[in-house]
Amino acid sequence: MKNHEISEVIKVGKAQVLVYELKVEAAMTTDVITINPQDTIEQVREILKEHKISGLPVVEGDQLAGIISIEDLIESLLEGKMKERVGEKMMRDVVTLHSDEPLVRAINEFGRYRYGRFPVIDRKSKKIIGILTKGDIIRCLLKRLQSNHYEDELRRYRAGHLFEDIVSDQSALVLKYNLEGVSFERAGEGSSRLKKNLLRLGIHPDVARRITIASYEAEMNMVIFCQGGELIATIGPQCVTVNAVDKGPGIPDVERAMQPGYSTAEDWVRELGFGAGMGLPNIKNCSDEMNIDTKVGHGTNVQFRILTKK
């Protein structure tokens, strides 16, 4: 499957959830072929030809120094500068990904920059540990989708049966997840754990997908703007209600915050690929009902409800 078909793969319902749940490290290629700034463009040509790739990270010592692509090679070839040093031709201002970031961020960056590949950096050591292409993402998603298909066939839990066996006027199962703020490497853990439990309980995969995406967006808002909070899912016979509760700064203008693209995230957060202003609109799009209870200086409760039976 060609790289440009990534948009077709993530249209699949389960794949939409996977890109939120999986980390970059799950899809990246760890056998990274690199080149040194002192090597020549001629050597670049030989490596690209031998390995059938279209770009190379440039590494000096154990640190990423730049990246050189087949477009740079073609330009040098046309100019007759094949003896030119890689360091003179490479792009130095390299956009990178961290291995522990959600895969959805990588997909957003491919759409934003139109690059063919991104070097993947270890957050602690700052060393390059992988390379990620659109093809890597597609192969990873297709493999996981196939694996999840067999897991679905083996699953025997059914939420409806659970409540049918309980004698009461009103029954509900409550799942609570404590979320850590300003911790991008752990972002998405709560919504991922919720998704697994929803599927184990027999919630329809399409419903679980909507709940997971909305929960992830709510979780990311807490990571960006707060010191943490709670994700509380109340599972009943007819619907799942999720409350994303924090004690953060609150939302001064809810109507404005609901507008796609509006964001108050700081610049450093945007540079990490988050805070694009689509969190609350995405939650609304995934929900059958949504309410926001917020007070400036005290916190916010984003509540959304999704029907499991109609």
C-alpha atoms as a PDB file:
ATOM      1  CA  MET A   1       0.000   0.000   0.000  1.00  0.00           C
ATOM      2  CA  LYS A   2       1.401   3.412  -0.946  1.00  0.00           C
ATOM      3  CA  ASN A   3       2.236   6.137   1.552  1.00  0.00           C
ATOM      4  CA  HIS A   4      -0.451   8.547   0.409  1.00  0.00           C
ATOM      5  CA  GLU A   5      -3.128   5.994   1.310  1.00  0.00           C
ATOM      6  CA  ILE A   6      -2.663   6.525   5.049  1.00  0.00           C
ATOM      7  CA  SER A   7      -5.811   8.672   5.097  1.00  0.00           C
ATOM      8  CA  GLU A   8      -7.805   5.723   3.748  1.00  0.00           C
ATOM      9  CA  VAL A   9      -6.522   3.390   6.479  1.00  0.00           C
ATOM     10  CA  ILE A  10      -7.376   5.719   9.358  1.00  0.00           C
ATOM     11  CA  LYS A  11     -10.944   6.050   8.058  1.00  0.00           C
ATOM     12  CA  VAL A  12     -11.475   2.544   9.424  1.00  0.00           C
ATOM     13  CA  GLY A  13     -13.222   2.892  12.791  1.00  0.00           C
ATOM     14  CA  LYS A  14     -10.776   0.804  14.803  1.00  0.00           C
ATOM     15  CA  ALA A  15      -7.785   2.495  13.187  1.00  0.00           C
ATOM     16  CA  GLN A  16      -9.081   5.871  14.365  1.00  0.00           C
ATOM     17  CA  VAL A  17      -8.770   4.623  17.934  1.00  0.00           C
ATOM     18  CA  LEU A  18      -5.386   2.982  17.402  1.00  0.00           C
ATOM     19  CA  VAL A  19      -3.702   6.210  16.285  1.00  0.00           C
ATOM     20  CA  TYR A  20      -4.650   7.726  19.642  1.00  0.00           C
ATOM     21  CA  GLU A  21      -3.669   4.644  21.632  1.00  0.00           C
ATOM     22  CA  LEU A  22      -0.404   3.578  19.981  1.00  0.00           C
ATOM     23  CA  LYS A  23       2.886   5.351  20.512  1.00  0.00           C
ATOM     24  CA  VAL A  24       5.351   6.319  17.786  1.00  0.00           C
ATOM     25  CA  GLU A  25       7.712   3.566  18.961  1.00  0.00           C
ATOM     26  CA  ALA A  26       5.143   0.941  17.939  1.00  0.00           C
ATOM     27  CA  ALA A  27       5.402   1.910  14.262  1.00  0.00           C
ATOM     28  CA  MET A  28       8.932   3.282  13.811  1.00  0.00           C
ATOM     29  CA  THR A  29      11.785   1.431  12.147  1.00  0.00           C
ATOM     30  CA  THR A  30      14.593   0.887  14.659  1.00  0.00           C
ATOM     31  CA  ASP A  31      17.248  -0.206  12.155  1.00  0.00           C
ATOM     32  CA  VAL A  32      18.236   3.360  11.278  1.00  0.00           C
ATOM     33  CA  ILE A  33      20.678   3.925   8.416  1.00  0.00           C
ATOM     34  CA  THR A  34      22.605   7.162   8.943  1.00  0.00           C
ATOM     35  CA  ILE A  35      25.380   9.176   7.342  1.00  0.00           C
ATOM     36  CA  ASN A  36      28.065  11.564   8.638  1.00  0.00           C
ATOM     37  CA  PRO A  37      28.279  15.296   7.791  1.00  0.00           C
ATOM     38  CA  GLN A  38      31.784  14.718   6.380  1.00  0.00           C
ATOM     39  CA  ASP A  39      30.612  12.092   3.891  1.00  0.00           C
ATOM     40  CA  THR A  40      29.930  13.101   0.285  1.00  0.00           C
ATOM     41  CA  ILE A  41      26.721  13.360  -1.727  1.00  0.00           C
ATOM     42  CA  GLU A  42      28.122  10.549  -3.894  1.00  0.00           C
ATOM     43  CA  GLN A  43      28.059   8.317  -0.813  1.00  0.00           C
ATOM     44  CA  VAL A  44      24.483   9.399  -0.169  1.00  0.00           C
ATOM     45  CA  ARG A  45      23.531   8.213  -3.643  1.00  0.00           C
ATOM     46  CA  GLU A  46      25.097   4.799  -3.074  1.00  0.00           C
ATOM     47  CA  ILE A  47      23.328   4.314   0.273  1.00  0.00           C
ATOM     48  CA  LEU A  48      19.924   5.400  -1.034  1.00  0.00           C
ATOM     49  CA  LYS A  49      20.301   3.114  -4.026  1.00  0.00           C
ATOM     50  CA  GLU A  50      21.477   0.121  -1.999  1.00  0.00           C
ATOM     51  CA  HIS A  51      18.755   0.324   0.631  1.00  0.00           C
ATOM     52  CA  LYS A  52      15.994   1.656  -1.644  1.00  0.00           C
ATOM     53  CA  ILE A  53      15.175   4.591   0.644  1.00  0.00           C
ATOM     54  CA  SER A  54      14.627   8.272  -0.074  1.00  0.00           C
ATOM     55  CA  GLY A  55      16.311  10.035   2.822  1.00  0.00           C
ATOM     56  CA  LEU A  56      18.917   9.741   5.558  1.00  0.00           C
ATOM     57  CA  PRO A  57      19.368  11.182   9.051  1.00  0.00           C
ATOM     58  CA  VAL A  58      22.762  12.852   9.407  1.00  0.00           C
ATOM     59  CA  VAL A  59      24.450  11.951  12.695  1.00  0.00           C
ATOM     60  CA  GLU A  60      27.560  13.481  14.227  1.00  0.00           C
ATOM     61  CA  GLY A  61      28.842  11.576  17.226  1.00  0.00           C
ATOM     62  CA  ASP A  62      25.642  10.205  18.714  1.00  0.00           C
ATOM     63  CA  GLN A  63      23.493  13.275  18.061  1.00  0.00           C
ATOM     64  CA  LEU A  64      21.214  14.127  15.148  1.00  0.00           C
ATOM     65  CA  ALA A  65      22.796  16.909  13.079  1.00  0.00           C
ATOM     66  CA  GLY A  66      20.394  17.101  10.140  1.00  0.00           C
ATOM     67  CA  ILE A  67      18.630  15.176   7.407  1.00  0.00           C
ATOM     68  CA  ILE A  68      19.332  14.776   3.699  1.00  0.00           C
ATOM     69  CA  SER A  69      16.805  13.631   1.112  1.00  0.00           C
ATOM     70  CA  ILE A  70      16.687  12.389  -2.438  1.00  0.00           C
ATOM     71  CA  GLU A  71      15.625  15.895  -3.495  1.00  0.00           C
ATOM     72  CA  ASP A  72      18.962  17.207  -2.168  1.00  0.00           C
ATOM     73  CA  LEU A  73      20.759  14.457  -4.092  1.00  0.00           C
ATOM     74  CA  ILE A  74      19.001  15.348  -7.348  1.00  0.00           C
ATOM     75  CA  GLU A  75      19.852  19.015  -6.892  1.00  0.00           C
ATOM     76  CA  SER A  76      23.537  18.210  -6.341  1.00  0.00           C
ATOM     77  CA  LEU A  77      23.508  15.883  -9.349  1.00  0.00           C
ATOM     78  CA  LEU A  78      22.091  18.610 -11.604  1.00  0.00           C
ATOM     79  CA  GLU A  79      24.639  21.104 -10.296  1.00  0.00           C
ATOM     80  CA  GLY A  80      27.532  18.666 -10.716  1.00  0.00           C
ATOM     81  CA  LYS A  81      28.392  18.809  -7.004  1.00  0.00           C
ATOM     82  CA  MET A  82      28.469  15.129  -6.109  1.00  0.00           C
ATOM     83  CA  LYS A  83      31.744  15.606  -4.176  1.00  0.00           C
ATOM     84  CA  GLU A  84      30.058  18.158  -1.935  1.00  0.00           C
ATOM     85  CA  ARG A  85      29.979  17.317   1.792  1.00  0.00           C
ATOM     86  CA  VAL A  86      26.698  16.179   3.319  1.00  0.00           C
ATOM     87  CA  GLY A  87      27.071  18.815   6.028  1.00  0.00           C
ATOM     88  CA  GLU A  88      26.959  21.550   3.399  1.00  0.00           C
ATOM     89  CA  LYS A  89      23.760  20.261   1.817  1.00  0.00           C
ATOM     90  CA  MET A  90      21.721  18.766   4.642  1.00  0.00           C
ATOM     91  CA  MET A  91      18.725  20.433   6.273  1.00  0.00           C
ATOM     92  CA  ARG A  92      19.725  21.387   9.806  1.00  0.00           C
ATOM     93  CA  ASP A  93      16.403  22.546  11.208  1.00  0.00           C
ATOM     94  CA  VAL A  94      14.962  19.060  11.576  1.00  0.00           C
ATOM     95  CA  VAL A  95      11.458  18.335  12.847  1.00  0.00           C
ATOM     96  CA  THR A  96      11.596  15.254  15.067  1.00  0.00           C
ATOM     97  CA  LEU A  97       9.220  13.013  16.970  1.00  0.00           C
ATOM     98  CA  HIS A  98       9.618  11.429  20.388  1.00  0.00           C
ATOM     99  CA  SER A  99       9.198   7.681  20.668  1.00  0.00           C
ATOM    100  CA  ASP A 100       6.679   7.991  23.517  1.00  0.00           C
ATOM    101  CA  GLU A 101       4.307  10.383  21.712  1.00  0.00           C
ATOM    102  CA  PRO A 102       0.884   9.242  20.465  1.00  0.00           C
ATOM    103  CA  LEU A 103       0.879   8.102  16.845  1.00  0.00           C
ATOM    104  CA  VAL A 104      -1.849  10.636  16.067  1.00  0.00           C
ATOM    105  CA  ARG A 105       0.688  13.426  16.570  1.00  0.00           C
ATOM    106  CA  ALA A 106       2.949  11.866  13.911  1.00  0.00           C
ATOM    107  CA  ILE A 107       0.043  11.714  11.456  1.00  0.00           C
ATOM    108  CA  ASN A 108      -0.698  15.373  12.123  1.00  0.00           C
ATOM    109  CA  GLU A 109       2.948  16.270  11.483  1.00  0.00           C
ATOM    110  CA  PHE A 110       2.978  14.380   8.159  1.00  0.00           C
ATOM    111  CA  GLY A 111      -0.047  16.385   7.106  1.00  0.00           C
ATOM    112  CA  ARG A 112       1.473  19.642   8.332  1.00  0.00           C
ATOM    113  CA  TYR A 113       4.961  19.395   6.798  1.00  0.00           C
ATOM    114  CA  ARG A 114       4.468  16.963   3.894  1.00  0.00           C
ATOM    115  CA  TYR A 115       7.797  15.306   4.741  1.00  0.00           C
ATOM    116  CA  GLY A 116       8.552  11.737   3.744  1.00  0.00           C
ATOM    117  CA  ARG A 117      10.055  10.754   7.082  1.00  0.00           C
ATOM    118  CA  PHE A 118      10.722  11.929  10.622  1.00  0.00           C
ATOM    119  CA  PRO A 119      13.669  10.988  12.847  1.00  0.00           C
ATOM    120  CA  VAL A 120      12.523   9.601  16.193  1.00  0.00           C
ATOM    121  CA  ILE A 121      14.359  10.762  19.304  1.00  0.00           C
ATOM    122  CA  ASP A 122      14.521   9.250  22.782  1.00  0.00           C
ATOM    123  CA  ARG A 123      13.163  11.874  25.150  1.00  0.00           C
ATOM    124  CA  LYS A 124      15.769  11.247  27.872  1.00  0.00           C
ATOM    125  CA  SER A 125      19.000  10.573  25.960  1.00  0.00           C
ATOM    126  CA  LYS A 126      18.136  12.876  23.007  1.00  0.00           C
ATOM    127  CA  LYS A 127      19.645  10.237  20.704  1.00  0.00           C
ATOM    128  CA  ILE A 128      18.053   9.094  17.456  1.00  0.00           C
ATOM    129  CA  ILE A 129      16.519   5.647  17.952  1.00  0.00           C
ATOM    130  CA  GLY A 130      14.245   5.283  14.943  1.00  0.00           C
ATOM    131  CA  ILE A 131      12.832   6.623  11.714  1.00  0.00           C
ATOM    132  CA  LEU A 132       9.137   6.893  10.870  1.00  0.00           C
ATOM    133  CA  THR A 133       7.517   6.998   7.430  1.00  0.00           C
ATOM    134  CA  LYS A 134       3.882   6.940   6.372  1.00  0.00           C
ATOM    135  CA  GLY A 135       4.454   3.393   5.170  1.00  0.00           C
ATOM    136  CA  ASP A 136       5.582   2.392   8.681  1.00  0.00           C
ATOM    137  CA  ILE A 137       2.333   3.767  10.119  1.00  0.00           C
ATOM    138  CA  ILE A 138       0.178   1.954   7.577  1.00  0.00           C
ATOM    139  CA  ARG A 139       1.936  -1.382   8.156  1.00  0.00           C
ATOM    140  CA  CYS A 140       1.619  -0.998  11.919  1.00  0.00           C
ATOM    141  CA  LEU A 141      -2.091  -0.156  11.765  1.00  0.00           C
ATOM    142  CA  LEU A 142      -2.929  -2.993   9.380  1.00  0.00           C
ATOM    143  CA  LYS A 143      -1.062  -5.470  11.586  1.00  0.00           C
ATOM    144  CA  ARG A 144      -2.861  -4.264  14.711  1.00  0.00           C
ATOM    145  CA  LEU A 145      -6.231  -4.301  12.961  1.00  0.00           C
ATOM    146  CA  GLN A 146      -5.705  -7.913  11.977  1.00  0.00           C
ATOM    147  CA  SER A 147      -4.663  -8.825  15.505  1.00  0.00           C
ATOM    148  CA  ASN A 148      -7.640  -6.992  17.034  1.00  0.00           C
ATOM    149  CA  HIS A 149      -9.987  -8.851  14.675  1.00  0.00           C
ATOM    150  CA  TYR A 150      -9.012 -12.157  16.243  1.00  0.00           C
ATOM    151  CA  GLU A 151      -9.274 -10.689  19.738  1.00  0.00           C
ATOM    152  CA  ASP A 152     -12.820  -9.579  18.934  1.00  0.00           C
ATOM    153  CA  GLU A 153     -13.709 -13.107  17.871  1.00  0.00           C
ATOM    154  CA  LEU A 154     -12.473 -14.474  21.205  1.00  0.00           C
ATOM    155  CA  ARG A 155     -14.210 -11.875  23.401  1.00  0.00           C
ATOM    156  CA  ARG A 156     -17.111 -13.341  25.386  1.00  0.00           C
ATOM    157  CA  TYR A 157     -18.183 -10.526  27.687  1.00  0.00           C
ATOM    158  CA  ARG A 158     -21.467  -8.739  27.036  1.00  0.00           C
ATOM    159  CA  ALA A 159     -22.473  -5.562  28.898  1.00  0.00           C
ATOM    160  CA  GLY A 160     -26.165  -6.213  28.359  1.00  0.00           C
ATOM    161  CA  HIS A 161     -25.947  -9.591  30.081  1.00  0.00           C
ATOM    162  CA  LEU A 162     -24.079  -8.019  32.981  1.00  0.00           C
ATOM    163  CA  PHE A 163     -26.982  -5.708  33.821  1.00  0.00           C
ATOM    164  CA  GLU A 164     -29.626  -8.315  33.085  1.00  0.00           C
ATOM    165  CA  ASP A 165     -28.206 -10.474  35.890  1.00  0.00           C
ATOM    166  CA  ILE A 166     -28.381  -7.644  38.446  1.00  0.00           C
ATOM    167  CA  VAL A 167     -31.690  -7.069  40.245  1.00  0.00           C
ATOM    168  CA  SER A 168     -32.132  -3.343  40.950  1.00  0.00           C
ATOM    169  CA  ASP A 169     -34.147  -0.338  39.835  1.00  0.00           C
ATOM    170  CA  GLN A 170     -31.043   1.292  38.426  1.00  0.00           C
ATOM    171  CA  SER A 171     -27.589  -0.174  37.843  1.00  0.00           C
ATOM    172  CA  ALA A 172     -24.286   1.282  36.677  1.00  0.00           C
ATOM    173  CA  LEU A 173     -20.623   0.355  36.647  1.00  0.00           C
ATOM    174  CA  VAL A 174     -18.189   3.181  37.459  1.00  0.00           C
ATOM    175  CA  LEU A 175     -14.589   3.192  36.226  1.00  0.00           C
ATOM    176  CA  LYS A 176     -12.260   5.916  37.514  1.00  0.00           C
ATOM    177  CA  TYR A 177      -8.821   6.845  36.181  1.00  0.00           C
ATOM    178  CA  ASN A 178      -6.437   9.314  37.819  1.00  0.00           C
ATOM    179  CA  LEU A 179      -4.645  11.464  35.246  1.00  0.00           C
ATOM    180  CA  GLU A 180      -1.261  13.138  35.568  1.00  0.00           C
ATOM    181  CA  GLY A 181      -0.866  16.701  34.286  1.00  0.00           C
ATOM    182  CA  VAL A 182       1.993  18.057  32.139  1.00  0.00           C
ATOM    183  CA  SER A 183       3.127  14.505  31.332  1.00  0.00           C
ATOM    184  CA  PHE A 184       3.020  14.117  27.567  1.00  0.00           C
ATOM    185  CA  GLU A 185       4.834  10.782  27.667  1.00  0.00           C
ATOM    186  CA  ARG A 186       1.884   9.315  29.632  1.00  0.00           C
ATOM    187  CA  ALA A 187      -0.820  11.145  27.720  1.00  0.00           C
ATOM    188  CA  GLY A 188      -3.581   8.800  26.584  1.00  0.00           C
ATOM    189  CA  GLU A 189      -3.007   6.090  29.196  1.00  0.00           C
ATOM    190  CA  GLY A 190      -6.330   6.686  30.937  1.00  0.00           C
ATOM    191  CA  SER A 191      -8.428   6.645  27.763  1.00  0.00           C
ATOM    192  CA  SER A 192      -6.520   3.591  26.514  1.00  0.00           C
ATOM    193  CA  ARG A 193      -7.278   1.662  29.710  1.00  0.00           C
ATOM    194  CA  LEU A 194     -10.916   2.747  29.472  1.00  0.00           C
ATOM    195  CA  LYS A 195     -11.159   1.478  25.905  1.00  0.00           C
ATOM    196  CA  LYS A 196      -9.830  -1.966  26.861  1.00  0.00           C
ATOM    197  CA  ASN A 197     -12.374  -2.297  29.639  1.00  0.00           C
ATOM    198  CA  LEU A 198     -15.235  -1.133  27.430  1.00  0.00           C
ATOM    199  CA  LEU A 199     -14.428  -3.815  24.877  1.00  0.00           C
ATOM    200  CA  ARG A 200     -14.101  -6.467  27.576  1.00  0.00           C
ATOM    201  CA  LEU A 201     -17.573  -5.527  28.759  1.00  0.00           C
ATOM    202  CA  GLY A 202     -18.936  -6.030  25.252  1.00  0.00           C
ATOM    203  CA  ILE A 203     -19.522  -2.393  24.302  1.00  0.00           C
ATOM    204  CA  HIS A 204     -19.838  -2.255  20.517  1.00  0.00           C
ATOM    205  CA  PRO A 205     -16.451  -1.343  18.930  1.00  0.00           C
ATOM    206  CA  ASP A 206     -17.947   1.681  17.120  1.00  0.00           C
ATOM    207  CA  VAL A 207     -19.324   3.030  20.404  1.00  0.00           C
ATOM    208  CA  ALA A 208     -16.049   2.301  22.209  1.00  0.00           C
ATOM    209  CA  ARG A 209     -14.197   4.153  19.447  1.00  0.00           C
ATOM    210  CA  ARG A 210     -16.254   7.311  19.943  1.00  0.00           C
ATOM    211  CA  ILE A 211     -15.864   7.149  23.721  1.00  0.00           C
ATOM    212  CA  THR A 212     -12.104   6.614  23.424  1.00  0.00           C
ATOM    213  CA  ILE A 213     -11.513   9.511  21.034  1.00  0.00           C
ATOM    214  CA  ALA A 214     -13.591  11.896  23.161  1.00  0.00           C
ATOM    215  CA  SER A 215     -11.857  10.678  26.339  1.00  0.00           C
ATOM    216  CA  TYR A 216      -8.440  11.125  24.775  1.00  0.00           C
ATOM    217  CA  GLU A 217      -9.232  14.713  23.781  1.00  0.00           C
ATOM    218  CA  ALA A 218     -10.467  15.456  27.311  1.00  0.00           C
ATOM    219  CA  GLU A 219      -7.359  13.829  28.770  1.00  0.00           C
ATOM    220  CA  MET A 220      -5.059  15.879  26.531  1.00  0.00           C
ATOM    221  CA  ASN A 221      -6.777  19.086  27.649  1.00  0.00           C
ATOM    222  CA  MET A 222      -5.963  18.179  31.247  1.00  0.00           C
ATOM    223  CA  VAL A 223      -2.348  17.364  30.363  1.00  0.00           C
ATOM    224  CA  ILE A 224      -1.954  20.702  28.564  1.00  0.00           C
ATOM    225  CA  PHE A 225      -3.786  23.075  30.877  1.00  0.00           C
ATOM    226  CA  CYS A 226      -3.901  21.441  34.326  1.00  0.00           C
ATOM    227  CA  GLN A 227      -1.905  19.511  36.898  1.00  0.00           C
ATOM    228  CA  GLY A 228      -4.055  16.484  36.247  1.00  0.00           C
ATOM    229  CA  GLY A 229      -7.546  15.311  37.054  1.00  0.00           C
ATOM    230  CA  GLU A 230      -9.914  12.360  36.857  1.00  0.00           C
ATOM    231  CA  LEU A 231     -11.618  10.488  34.056  1.00  0.00           C
ATOM    232  CA  ILE A 232     -14.799   8.881  35.401  1.00  0.00           C
ATOM    233  CA  ALA A 233     -16.839   6.594  33.156  1.00  0.00           C
ATOM    234  CA  THR A 234     -20.303   5.523  34.282  1.00  0.00           C
ATOM    235  CA  ILE A 235     -21.510   2.546  32.268  1.00  0.00           C
ATOM    236  CA  GLY A 236     -25.226   1.899  32.282  1.00  0.00           C
ATOM    237  CA  PRO A 237     -27.589  -0.350  30.303  1.00  0.00           C
ATOM    238  CA  GLN A 238     -28.352   2.349  27.726  1.00  0.00           C
ATOM    239  CA  CYS A 239     -25.355   4.684  27.634  1.00  0.00           C
ATOM    240  CA  VAL A 240     -21.871   5.540  28.864  1.00  0.00           C
ATOM    241  CA  THR A 241     -21.381   8.875  30.617  1.00  0.00           C
ATOM    242  CA  VAL A 242     -17.853  10.233  31.017  1.00  0.00           C
ATOM    243  CA  ASN A 243     -16.850  13.084  33.308  1.00  0.00           C
ATOM    244  CA  ALA A 244     -13.410  14.628  32.761  1.00  0.00           C
ATOM    245  CA  VAL A 245     -12.881  16.562  35.991  1.00  0.00           C
ATOM    246  CA  ASP A 246      -9.954  18.857  36.807  1.00  0.00           C
ATOM    247  CA  LYS A 247      -9.035  21.631  39.241  1.00  0.00           C
ATOM    248  CA  GLY A 248      -7.322  23.724  36.593  1.00  0.00           C
ATOM    249  CA  PRO A 249      -7.729  27.344  35.513  1.00  0.00           C
ATOM    250  CA  GLY A 250     -11.248  26.920  34.141  1.00  0.00           C
ATOM    251  CA  ILE A 251     -12.537  28.131  30.776  1.00  0.00           C
ATOM    252  CA  PRO A 252     -13.231  31.901  30.602  1.00  0.00           C
ATOM    253  CA  ASP A 253     -15.254  31.751  27.383  1.00  0.00           C
ATOM    254  CA  VAL A 254     -16.863  28.372  26.675  1.00  0.00           C
ATOM    255  CA  GLU A 255     -18.541  29.505  23.450  1.00  0.00           C
ATOM    256  CA  ARG A 256     -15.227  30.673  22.024  1.00  0.00           C
ATOM    257  CA  ALA A 257     -13.416  27.555  23.262  1.00  0.00           C
ATOM    258  CA  MET A 258     -15.884  25.424  21.283  1.00  0.00           C
ATOM    259  CA  GLN A 259     -14.834  27.052  18.011  1.00  0.00           C
ATOM    260  CA  PRO A 260     -12.540  24.773  15.939  1.00  0.00           C
ATOM    261  CA  GLY A 261      -8.965  26.052  15.951  1.00  0.00           C
ATOM    262  CA  TYR A 262      -9.281  28.320  18.984  1.00  0.00           C
ATOM    263  CA  SER A 263      -6.613  27.560  21.577  1.00  0.00           C
ATOM    264  CA  THR A 264      -4.938  29.194  24.553  1.00  0.00           C
ATOM    265  CA  ALA A 265      -2.098  26.638  24.651  1.00  0.00           C
ATOM    266  CA  GLU A 266       1.379  28.066  25.151  1.00  0.00           C
ATOM    267  CA  ASP A 267       3.878  28.141  22.280  1.00  0.00           C
ATOM    268  CA  TRP A 268       6.000  25.302  23.679  1.00  0.00           C
ATOM    269  CA  VAL A 269       2.925  23.067  23.744  1.00  0.00           C
ATOM    270  CA  ARG A 270       2.118  23.907  20.118  1.00  0.00           C
ATOM    271  CA  GLU A 271       5.722  23.140  19.142  1.00  0.00           C
ATOM    272  CA  LEU A 272       5.196  19.644  20.538  1.00  0.00           C
ATOM    273  CA  GLY A 273       2.262  19.218  18.157  1.00  0.00           C
ATOM    274  CA  PHE A 274      -0.530  19.637  20.715  1.00  0.00           C
ATOM    275  CA  GLY A 275      -2.996  22.393  21.571  1.00  0.00           C
ATOM    276  CA  ALA A 276      -4.437  22.791  18.067  1.00  0.00           C
ATOM    277  CA  GLY A 277      -7.809  23.892  19.403  1.00  0.00           C
ATOM    278  CA  MET A 278      -9.771  20.818  18.252  1.00  0.00           C
ATOM    279  CA  GLY A 279     -10.196  19.054  21.601  1.00  0.00           C
ATOM    280  CA  LEU A 280     -13.636  20.287  22.671  1.00  0.00           C
ATOM    281  CA  PRO A 281     -15.080  20.283  19.105  1.00  0.00           C
ATOM    282  CA  ASN A 282     -13.899  16.672  18.663  1.00  0.00           C
ATOM    283  CA  ILE A 283     -15.534  15.669  21.951  1.00  0.00           C
ATOM    284  CA  LYS A 284     -18.808  17.222  20.801  1.00  0.00           C
ATOM    285  CA  ASN A 285     -18.619  15.490  17.412  1.00  0.00           C
ATOM    286  CA  CYS A 286     -18.167  12.093  19.084  1.00  0.00           C
ATOM    287  CA  SER A 287     -20.923  12.559  21.669  1.00  0.00           C
ATOM    288  CA  ASP A 288     -24.696  12.273  21.708  1.00  0.00           C
ATOM    289  CA  GLU A 289     -24.779  14.866  24.498  1.00  0.00           C
ATOM    290  CA  MET A 290     -22.123  17.175  25.955  1.00  0.00           C
ATOM    291  CA  ASN A 291     -22.091  19.635  28.855  1.00  0.00           C
ATOM    292  CA  ILE A 292     -19.347  21.835  30.288  1.00  0.00           C
ATOM    293  CA  ASP A 293     -19.421  22.996  33.903  1.00  0.00           C
ATOM    294  CA  THR A 294     -16.534  25.383  34.528  1.00  0.00           C
ATOM    295  CA  LYS A 295     -15.497  28.132  36.908  1.00  0.00           C
ATOM    296  CA  VAL A 296     -12.452  30.322  36.311  1.00  0.00           C
ATOM    297  CA  GLY A 297      -9.797  29.588  38.895  1.00  0.00           C
ATOM    298  CA  HIS A 298     -11.535  26.490  40.227  1.00  0.00           C
ATOM    299  CA  GLY A 299     -11.679  23.906  37.443  1.00  0.00           C
ATOM    300  CA  THR A 300     -13.811  22.237  34.794  1.00  0.00           C
ATOM    301  CA  ASN A 301     -16.035  19.208  34.386  1.00  0.00           C
ATOM    302  CA  VAL A 302     -16.488  18.185  30.758  1.00  0.00           C
ATOM    303  CA  GLN A 303     -19.300  15.658  30.673  1.00  0.00           C
ATOM    304  CA  PHE A 304     -20.273  13.728  27.558  1.00  0.00           C
ATOM    305  CA  ARG A 305     -22.728  10.925  27.021  1.00  0.00           C
ATOM    306  CA  ILE A 306     -22.767   8.299  24.260  1.00  0.00           C
ATOM    307  CA  LEU A 307     -25.652   5.902  23.725  1.00  0.00           C
ATOM    308  CA  THR A 308     -24.870   2.185  23.676  1.00  0.00           C
ATOM    309  CA  LYS A 309     -28.408   1.220  22.704  1.00  0.00           C
ATOM    310  CA  LYS A 310     -30.862   3.120  20.532  1.00  0.00           C
END
